[in-house]
Amino acid sequence: MRSLPLLLAGLVCGLASLAAAEPAAPAPTLTNWDHIKVAPMKTSIYVGSVTLTTGVFERQGSALTTHYEAKVFPWFFWGESGSITIALTDTGLAALARGETAEFAGDATNQKNKPRKVTGRAQPIDANSGKIKVRIMADGVELIFNSTYQFGTGK
């Protein structure tokens, strides 16, 4: 019977320490995923490379929009800038939240109003970030970029 008071004292101390612990951070929700930052991307071309840099994607409905800049080395005169819009629905975001890969598609338009087709997929690493593969069709050439993304980063 002496062990029963010790067991109860241990249980009370354990519960007190749990109550004193800081609460866990809330799980991310779709409402705080209105901004997505993609790290700069680089890919090789025939005798050079292309670096693609985007601004922070802003969510408006199921569309994510930002500006981009593509620099071509050593042919700087092939570089371009413009706007890019991709579609990532609530269903796609929910798939990412569950740790599943999500596909997306979209369009870009450069400063000369030339259209570009964009496709890709996002593969989560955790609830707020992951890997991204982007394919851009530009003048009959498919450029494939690999990078990372992070949700919830404002401007």
N, C-alpha and C. Protein backbone atom coordinates (compact mmCIF):
# COMPACT_ATOMS: atom_id res chain seq x y z
N MET A 1 0.79 -1.19 0.00
CA MET A 1 0.00 0.00 0.00
C MET A 1 0.84 1.26 0.00
N ARG A 2 2.07 1.17 0.43
CA ARG A 2 2.93 2.36 0.43
C ARG A 2 3.23 2.83 -0.99
N SER A 3 3.22 1.95 -1.95
CA SER A 3 3.53 2.33 -3.32
C SER A 3 2.40 3.14 -3.96
N LEU A 4 1.17 2.96 -3.47
CA LEU A 4 0.04 3.70 -4.04
C LEU A 4 0.19 5.22 -3.85
N PRO A 5 0.56 5.73 -2.65
CA PRO A 5 0.77 7.17 -2.52
C PRO A 5 1.91 7.68 -3.39
N LEU A 6 2.98 6.88 -3.55
CA LEU A 6 4.09 7.29 -4.42
C LEU A 6 3.64 7.36 -5.88
N LEU A 7 2.84 6.38 -6.27
CA LEU A 7 2.33 6.37 -7.64
C LEU A 7 1.43 7.58 -7.89
N LEU A 8 0.56 7.89 -6.93
CA LEU A 8 -0.31 9.06 -7.08
C LEU A 8 0.49 10.35 -7.12
N ALA A 9 1.53 10.46 -6.28
CA ALA A 9 2.37 11.66 -6.28
C ALA A 9 3.08 11.81 -7.61
N GLY A 10 3.57 10.72 -8.16
CA GLY A 10 4.23 10.76 -9.46
C GLY A 10 3.27 11.17 -10.57
N LEU A 11 2.04 10.65 -10.50
CA LEU A 11 1.03 10.99 -11.49
C LEU A 11 0.68 12.48 -11.42
N VAL A 12 0.52 13.02 -10.19
CA VAL A 12 0.21 14.43 -10.03
C VAL A 12 1.35 15.30 -10.56
N CYS A 13 2.60 14.92 -10.26
CA CYS A 13 3.76 15.69 -10.77
C CYS A 13 3.81 15.65 -12.30
N GLY A 14 3.52 14.49 -12.88
CA GLY A 14 3.53 14.36 -14.34
C GLY A 14 2.47 15.24 -14.99
N LEU A 15 1.26 15.23 -14.41
CA LEU A 15 0.19 16.08 -14.95
C LEU A 15 0.52 17.56 -14.79
N ALA A 16 1.14 17.92 -13.68
CA ALA A 16 1.52 19.33 -13.47
C ALA A 16 2.55 19.76 -14.50
N SER A 17 3.50 18.89 -14.82
CA SER A 17 4.51 19.27 -15.81
C SER A 17 3.89 19.39 -17.20
N LEU A 18 2.90 18.55 -17.51
CA LEU A 18 2.22 18.67 -18.80
C LEU A 18 1.44 19.97 -18.88
N ALA A 19 0.80 20.35 -17.78
CA ALA A 19 0.03 21.59 -17.78
C ALA A 19 0.93 22.81 -17.91
N ALA A 20 2.16 22.72 -17.39
CA ALA A 20 3.08 23.84 -17.44
C ALA A 20 3.79 23.95 -18.79
N ALA A 21 3.80 22.87 -19.56
CA ALA A 21 4.49 22.88 -20.86
C ALA A 21 3.78 23.85 -21.80
N GLU A 22 4.55 24.44 -22.71
CA GLU A 22 3.97 25.36 -23.68
C GLU A 22 3.13 24.58 -24.68
N PRO A 23 2.01 25.14 -25.11
CA PRO A 23 1.18 24.44 -26.08
C PRO A 23 1.90 24.36 -27.42
N ALA A 24 1.62 23.30 -28.16
CA ALA A 24 2.22 23.11 -29.47
C ALA A 24 1.71 24.18 -30.43
N ALA A 25 2.55 24.53 -31.40
CA ALA A 25 2.13 25.51 -32.41
C ALA A 25 0.97 24.93 -33.20
N PRO A 26 0.00 25.76 -33.56
CA PRO A 26 -1.14 25.24 -34.30
C PRO A 26 -0.71 24.76 -35.68
N ALA A 27 -1.38 23.73 -36.15
CA ALA A 27 -1.09 23.21 -37.48
C ALA A 27 -1.44 24.27 -38.51
N PRO A 28 -0.66 24.38 -39.60
CA PRO A 28 -0.98 25.38 -40.61
C PRO A 28 -2.33 25.09 -41.26
N THR A 29 -3.00 26.13 -41.63
CA THR A 29 -4.28 25.99 -42.31
C THR A 29 -4.15 26.60 -43.70
N LEU A 30 -5.13 26.34 -44.53
CA LEU A 30 -5.08 26.87 -45.88
C LEU A 30 -5.09 28.39 -45.90
N THR A 31 -5.64 29.01 -44.86
CA THR A 31 -5.74 30.46 -44.87
C THR A 31 -4.39 31.13 -44.68
N ASN A 32 -3.40 30.48 -44.09
CA ASN A 32 -2.10 31.13 -43.95
C ASN A 32 -1.13 30.72 -45.06
N TRP A 33 -1.64 30.10 -46.08
CA TRP A 33 -0.81 29.71 -47.22
C TRP A 33 -1.07 30.63 -48.41
N ASP A 34 -1.31 31.90 -48.14
CA ASP A 34 -1.61 32.85 -49.20
C ASP A 34 -0.35 33.38 -49.88
N HIS A 35 0.81 33.12 -49.31
CA HIS A 35 2.08 33.55 -49.90
C HIS A 35 3.01 32.35 -49.97
N ILE A 36 3.63 32.18 -51.11
CA ILE A 36 4.56 31.07 -51.31
C ILE A 36 5.85 31.61 -51.90
N LYS A 37 6.95 31.32 -51.25
CA LYS A 37 8.25 31.75 -51.74
C LYS A 37 8.96 30.54 -52.36
N VAL A 38 9.48 30.75 -53.57
CA VAL A 38 10.23 29.72 -54.27
C VAL A 38 11.67 30.20 -54.38
N ALA A 39 12.60 29.35 -53.97
CA ALA A 39 14.02 29.71 -54.05
C ALA A 39 14.44 29.84 -55.51
N PRO A 40 15.45 30.68 -55.81
CA PRO A 40 15.93 30.81 -57.19
C PRO A 40 16.30 29.45 -57.77
N MET A 41 16.06 29.29 -59.07
CA MET A 41 16.28 28.01 -59.75
C MET A 41 17.27 28.19 -60.89
N LYS A 42 17.98 27.12 -61.21
CA LYS A 42 18.95 27.18 -62.29
C LYS A 42 18.91 25.87 -63.06
N THR A 43 19.04 25.97 -64.38
CA THR A 43 19.11 24.78 -65.22
C THR A 43 20.13 25.01 -66.32
N SER A 44 20.62 23.93 -66.89
CA SER A 44 21.60 24.01 -67.97
C SER A 44 20.90 24.01 -69.32
N ILE A 45 21.49 24.72 -70.27
CA ILE A 45 21.06 24.67 -71.66
C ILE A 45 22.28 24.29 -72.49
N TYR A 46 22.14 24.26 -73.80
CA TYR A 46 23.18 23.73 -74.67
C TYR A 46 24.59 24.20 -74.29
N VAL A 47 24.86 25.44 -74.32
CA VAL A 47 26.18 25.95 -73.92
C VAL A 47 25.97 27.13 -72.98
N GLY A 48 25.37 26.85 -71.85
CA GLY A 48 25.10 27.92 -70.90
C GLY A 48 24.15 27.46 -69.82
N SER A 49 23.53 28.44 -69.19
CA SER A 49 22.58 28.14 -68.12
C SER A 49 21.52 29.23 -68.05
N VAL A 50 20.40 28.87 -67.42
CA VAL A 50 19.31 29.81 -67.21
C VAL A 50 19.02 29.85 -65.71
N THR A 51 18.99 31.04 -65.15
CA THR A 51 18.62 31.23 -63.75
C THR A 51 17.26 31.90 -63.72
N LEU A 52 16.33 31.27 -63.01
CA LEU A 52 14.97 31.77 -62.90
C LEU A 52 14.73 32.21 -61.47
N THR A 53 14.34 33.47 -61.31
CA THR A 53 14.04 34.04 -60.00
C THR A 53 12.61 34.56 -60.03
N THR A 54 11.85 34.21 -59.00
CA THR A 54 10.47 34.68 -58.92
C THR A 54 10.29 35.50 -57.66
N GLY A 55 9.26 36.33 -57.69
CA GLY A 55 8.86 37.03 -56.47
C GLY A 55 8.06 36.07 -55.61
N VAL A 56 7.48 36.56 -54.56
CA VAL A 56 6.62 35.74 -53.70
C VAL A 56 5.29 35.56 -54.41
N PHE A 57 4.86 34.30 -54.57
CA PHE A 57 3.57 34.02 -55.19
C PHE A 57 2.48 34.43 -54.22
N GLU A 58 1.47 35.15 -54.74
CA GLU A 58 0.33 35.56 -53.92
C GLU A 58 -0.90 34.82 -54.41
N ARG A 59 -1.63 34.27 -53.48
CA ARG A 59 -2.81 33.46 -53.79
C ARG A 59 -4.04 34.35 -53.93
N GLN A 60 -4.75 34.16 -55.04
CA GLN A 60 -6.02 34.83 -55.29
C GLN A 60 -6.96 33.78 -55.84
N GLY A 61 -7.83 33.24 -54.96
CA GLY A 61 -8.68 32.12 -55.35
C GLY A 61 -7.81 30.88 -55.49
N SER A 62 -7.89 30.22 -56.64
CA SER A 62 -7.06 29.04 -56.86
C SER A 62 -5.84 29.36 -57.71
N ALA A 63 -5.57 30.64 -57.92
CA ALA A 63 -4.41 31.05 -58.73
C ALA A 63 -3.33 31.66 -57.84
N LEU A 64 -2.10 31.38 -58.19
CA LEU A 64 -0.93 31.98 -57.53
C LEU A 64 -0.19 32.78 -58.59
N THR A 65 0.06 34.06 -58.30
CA THR A 65 0.63 34.97 -59.29
C THR A 65 1.85 35.68 -58.73
N THR A 66 2.83 35.92 -59.61
CA THR A 66 4.00 36.71 -59.26
C THR A 66 4.71 37.15 -60.55
N HIS A 67 5.79 37.85 -60.38
CA HIS A 67 6.64 38.22 -61.52
C HIS A 67 7.85 37.29 -61.54
N TYR A 68 8.52 37.23 -62.69
CA TYR A 68 9.71 36.40 -62.79
C TYR A 68 10.78 37.13 -63.59
N GLU A 69 12.01 36.66 -63.43
CA GLU A 69 13.13 37.13 -64.23
C GLU A 69 13.99 35.93 -64.59
N ALA A 70 14.25 35.78 -65.87
CA ALA A 70 15.10 34.69 -66.35
C ALA A 70 16.37 35.30 -66.96
N LYS A 71 17.50 34.88 -66.43
CA LYS A 71 18.79 35.36 -66.95
C LYS A 71 19.49 34.20 -67.62
N VAL A 72 19.95 34.44 -68.86
CA VAL A 72 20.61 33.41 -69.64
C VAL A 72 22.09 33.74 -69.72
N PHE A 73 22.92 32.78 -69.31
CA PHE A 73 24.37 32.97 -69.37
C PHE A 73 24.93 32.02 -70.41
N PRO A 74 25.76 32.44 -71.32
CA PRO A 74 26.37 33.75 -71.49
C PRO A 74 25.58 34.69 -72.41
N TRP A 75 24.42 34.24 -72.89
CA TRP A 75 23.64 35.05 -73.83
C TRP A 75 22.65 35.93 -73.09
N PHE A 76 23.14 36.99 -72.48
CA PHE A 76 22.31 37.87 -71.66
C PHE A 76 21.14 38.44 -72.45
N PHE A 77 21.27 38.61 -73.76
CA PHE A 77 20.21 39.21 -74.57
C PHE A 77 19.02 38.26 -74.72
N TRP A 78 19.14 36.99 -74.34
CA TRP A 78 18.01 36.05 -74.35
C TRP A 78 17.21 36.11 -73.06
N GLY A 79 17.71 36.83 -72.08
CA GLY A 79 17.01 36.94 -70.80
C GLY A 79 15.66 37.61 -70.97
N GLU A 80 14.77 37.35 -70.03
CA GLU A 80 13.45 37.96 -70.10
C GLU A 80 12.87 38.10 -68.71
N SER A 81 11.79 38.86 -68.64
CA SER A 81 11.04 39.01 -67.39
C SER A 81 9.57 39.04 -67.76
N GLY A 82 8.72 38.86 -66.77
CA GLY A 82 7.30 38.87 -67.03
C GLY A 82 6.51 38.43 -65.83
N SER A 83 5.28 37.98 -66.09
CA SER A 83 4.42 37.53 -65.00
C SER A 83 4.10 36.05 -65.20
N ILE A 84 3.86 35.38 -64.08
CA ILE A 84 3.56 33.95 -64.11
C ILE A 84 2.38 33.69 -63.18
N THR A 85 1.45 32.85 -63.65
CA THR A 85 0.29 32.46 -62.87
C THR A 85 0.14 30.95 -62.95
N ILE A 86 0.04 30.30 -61.78
CA ILE A 86 -0.20 28.87 -61.75
C ILE A 86 -1.47 28.59 -60.97
N ALA A 87 -2.13 27.50 -61.31
CA ALA A 87 -3.36 27.10 -60.62
C ALA A 87 -3.02 26.02 -59.61
N LEU A 88 -3.35 26.27 -58.35
CA LEU A 88 -3.21 25.28 -57.29
C LEU A 88 -4.47 25.39 -56.44
N THR A 89 -5.37 24.45 -56.64
CA THR A 89 -6.68 24.50 -56.00
C THR A 89 -6.58 24.17 -54.51
N ASP A 90 -7.69 24.37 -53.81
CA ASP A 90 -7.76 23.99 -52.40
C ASP A 90 -7.51 22.49 -52.25
N THR A 91 -7.95 21.70 -53.23
CA THR A 91 -7.71 20.26 -53.20
C THR A 91 -6.22 19.98 -53.29
N GLY A 92 -5.51 20.71 -54.14
CA GLY A 92 -4.05 20.55 -54.24
C GLY A 92 -3.35 20.95 -52.96
N LEU A 93 -3.79 22.05 -52.36
CA LEU A 93 -3.20 22.48 -51.09
C LEU A 93 -3.48 21.47 -49.98
N ALA A 94 -4.68 20.91 -49.98
CA ALA A 94 -5.02 19.91 -48.98
C ALA A 94 -4.16 18.66 -49.17
N ALA A 95 -3.87 18.30 -50.42
CA ALA A 95 -2.98 17.16 -50.68
C ALA A 95 -1.59 17.44 -50.12
N LEU A 96 -1.09 18.66 -50.32
CA LEU A 96 0.21 19.02 -49.76
C LEU A 96 0.19 18.94 -48.24
N ALA A 97 -0.90 19.38 -47.63
CA ALA A 97 -1.02 19.33 -46.17
C ALA A 97 -1.00 17.90 -45.66
N ARG A 98 -1.50 16.96 -46.47
CA ARG A 98 -1.48 15.55 -46.08
C ARG A 98 -0.14 14.88 -46.40
N GLY A 99 0.80 15.66 -46.98
CA GLY A 99 2.10 15.09 -47.33
C GLY A 99 2.15 14.45 -48.70
N GLU A 100 1.17 14.73 -49.53
CA GLU A 100 1.09 14.15 -50.86
C GLU A 100 1.59 15.14 -51.91
N THR A 101 2.07 14.62 -53.02
CA THR A 101 2.53 15.44 -54.14
C THR A 101 1.32 16.06 -54.84
N ALA A 102 1.47 17.30 -55.27
CA ALA A 102 0.40 18.01 -56.00
C ALA A 102 0.94 18.50 -57.33
N GLU A 103 0.16 18.31 -58.37
CA GLU A 103 0.50 18.78 -59.71
C GLU A 103 -0.10 20.16 -59.92
N PHE A 104 0.54 20.98 -60.76
CA PHE A 104 -0.01 22.29 -61.09
C PHE A 104 0.30 22.63 -62.53
N ALA A 105 -0.43 23.59 -63.07
CA ALA A 105 -0.21 24.07 -64.43
C ALA A 105 -0.51 25.56 -64.45
N GLY A 106 0.04 26.23 -65.43
CA GLY A 106 -0.21 27.66 -65.52
C GLY A 106 0.36 28.26 -66.78
N ASP A 107 0.42 29.57 -66.77
CA ASP A 107 0.92 30.32 -67.92
C ASP A 107 1.80 31.45 -67.45
N ALA A 108 2.73 31.80 -68.31
CA ALA A 108 3.57 32.98 -68.09
C ALA A 108 3.54 33.82 -69.36
N THR A 109 3.78 35.09 -69.19
CA THR A 109 3.86 36.01 -70.32
C THR A 109 5.07 36.90 -70.09
N ASN A 110 5.96 36.94 -71.10
CA ASN A 110 7.16 37.77 -70.92
C ASN A 110 6.88 39.22 -71.28
N GLN A 111 7.92 40.04 -71.17
CA GLN A 111 7.77 41.48 -71.40
C GLN A 111 7.37 41.80 -72.84
N LYS A 112 7.53 40.87 -73.76
CA LYS A 112 7.12 41.08 -75.15
C LYS A 112 5.77 40.42 -75.44
N ASN A 113 5.04 40.04 -74.38
CA ASN A 113 3.75 39.37 -74.48
C ASN A 113 3.80 38.01 -75.16
N LYS A 114 4.95 37.34 -75.10
CA LYS A 114 5.06 35.98 -75.63
C LYS A 114 4.61 35.01 -74.54
N PRO A 115 3.69 34.10 -74.88
CA PRO A 115 3.18 33.16 -73.87
C PRO A 115 4.17 32.03 -73.59
N ARG A 116 4.12 31.52 -72.37
CA ARG A 116 4.93 30.39 -71.93
C ARG A 116 4.01 29.44 -71.17
N LYS A 117 4.08 28.16 -71.44
CA LYS A 117 3.32 27.16 -70.71
C LYS A 117 4.15 26.70 -69.52
N VAL A 118 3.50 26.55 -68.37
CA VAL A 118 4.16 26.16 -67.14
C VAL A 118 3.44 24.95 -66.57
N THR A 119 4.19 23.91 -66.22
CA THR A 119 3.64 22.76 -65.50
C THR A 119 4.63 22.38 -64.41
N GLY A 120 4.18 21.59 -63.49
CA GLY A 120 5.10 21.15 -62.45
C GLY A 120 4.42 20.36 -61.36
N ARG A 121 5.21 20.08 -60.34
CA ARG A 121 4.68 19.38 -59.18
C ARG A 121 5.42 19.83 -57.94
N ALA A 122 4.68 19.83 -56.84
CA ALA A 122 5.24 20.18 -55.54
C ALA A 122 5.18 18.95 -54.66
N GLN A 123 6.28 18.67 -53.98
CA GLN A 123 6.37 17.51 -53.10
C GLN A 123 6.76 18.00 -51.71
N PRO A 124 5.84 17.88 -50.75
CA PRO A 124 6.11 18.42 -49.42
C PRO A 124 7.21 17.66 -48.67
N ILE A 125 7.98 18.42 -47.90
CA ILE A 125 8.95 17.84 -46.96
C ILE A 125 8.33 17.88 -45.57
N ASP A 126 7.66 18.99 -45.26
CA ASP A 126 6.90 19.13 -44.01
C ASP A 126 5.67 19.98 -44.32
N ALA A 127 4.96 20.42 -43.30
CA ALA A 127 3.70 21.14 -43.52
C ALA A 127 3.88 22.49 -44.19
N ASN A 128 5.07 23.09 -44.12
CA ASN A 128 5.27 24.44 -44.65
C ASN A 128 6.26 24.54 -45.80
N SER A 129 6.91 23.46 -46.18
CA SER A 129 7.92 23.57 -47.23
C SER A 129 8.07 22.25 -47.98
N GLY A 130 8.78 22.32 -49.08
CA GLY A 130 9.00 21.12 -49.87
C GLY A 130 9.84 21.38 -51.10
N LYS A 131 9.87 20.38 -51.98
CA LYS A 131 10.59 20.46 -53.24
C LYS A 131 9.60 20.80 -54.35
N ILE A 132 10.12 21.45 -55.38
CA ILE A 132 9.27 21.80 -56.51
C ILE A 132 10.03 21.56 -57.80
N LYS A 133 9.33 21.01 -58.79
CA LYS A 133 9.88 20.84 -60.14
C LYS A 133 9.00 21.63 -61.08
N VAL A 134 9.61 22.53 -61.85
CA VAL A 134 8.87 23.40 -62.76
C VAL A 134 9.37 23.17 -64.18
N ARG A 135 8.44 22.99 -65.10
CA ARG A 135 8.75 22.85 -66.52
C ARG A 135 8.15 24.05 -67.25
N ILE A 136 8.99 24.74 -68.02
CA ILE A 136 8.53 25.90 -68.78
C ILE A 136 8.87 25.67 -70.25
N MET A 137 7.86 25.80 -71.09
CA MET A 137 8.06 25.66 -72.53
C MET A 137 8.26 27.06 -73.10
N ALA A 138 9.47 27.31 -73.62
CA ALA A 138 9.81 28.63 -74.17
C ALA A 138 10.37 28.47 -75.57
N ASP A 139 9.62 28.96 -76.55
CA ASP A 139 10.05 28.92 -77.95
C ASP A 139 10.47 27.52 -78.40
N GLY A 140 9.67 26.52 -78.03
CA GLY A 140 9.92 25.14 -78.45
C GLY A 140 10.96 24.40 -77.62
N VAL A 141 11.48 25.02 -76.59
CA VAL A 141 12.47 24.39 -75.72
C VAL A 141 11.86 24.22 -74.34
N GLU A 142 11.94 23.00 -73.79
CA GLU A 142 11.44 22.77 -72.45
C GLU A 142 12.59 22.95 -71.46
N LEU A 143 12.39 23.88 -70.54
CA LEU A 143 13.36 24.13 -69.47
C LEU A 143 12.82 23.49 -68.20
N ILE A 144 13.65 22.71 -67.51
CA ILE A 144 13.24 22.03 -66.29
C ILE A 144 14.06 22.56 -65.13
N PHE A 145 13.35 23.08 -64.14
CA PHE A 145 13.99 23.67 -62.96
C PHE A 145 13.58 22.89 -61.72
N ASN A 146 14.52 22.71 -60.80
CA ASN A 146 14.24 22.10 -59.50
C ASN A 146 14.60 23.10 -58.42
N SER A 147 13.74 23.17 -57.40
CA SER A 147 13.99 24.13 -56.33
C SER A 147 13.23 23.69 -55.08
N THR A 148 13.06 24.64 -54.17
CA THR A 148 12.29 24.41 -52.96
C THR A 148 11.26 25.53 -52.82
N TYR A 149 10.24 25.25 -52.04
CA TYR A 149 9.22 26.26 -51.76
C TYR A 149 8.96 26.33 -50.27
N GLN A 150 8.39 27.46 -49.86
CA GLN A 150 8.03 27.64 -48.46
C GLN A 150 6.72 28.42 -48.39
N PHE A 151 5.75 27.89 -47.67
CA PHE A 151 4.45 28.56 -47.49
C PHE A 151 4.53 29.59 -46.38
N GLY A 152 3.63 30.57 -46.48
CA GLY A 152 3.42 31.51 -45.39
C GLY A 152 4.44 32.63 -45.29
N THR A 153 5.30 32.79 -46.28
CA THR A 153 6.27 33.88 -46.24
C THR A 153 5.69 35.07 -46.97
N GLY A 154 5.50 36.15 -46.25
CA GLY A 154 4.96 37.38 -46.85
C GLY A 154 5.97 38.06 -47.73
N LYS A 155 5.62 39.24 -48.15
CA LYS A 155 6.46 40.00 -49.09
C LYS A 155 7.81 40.32 -48.56
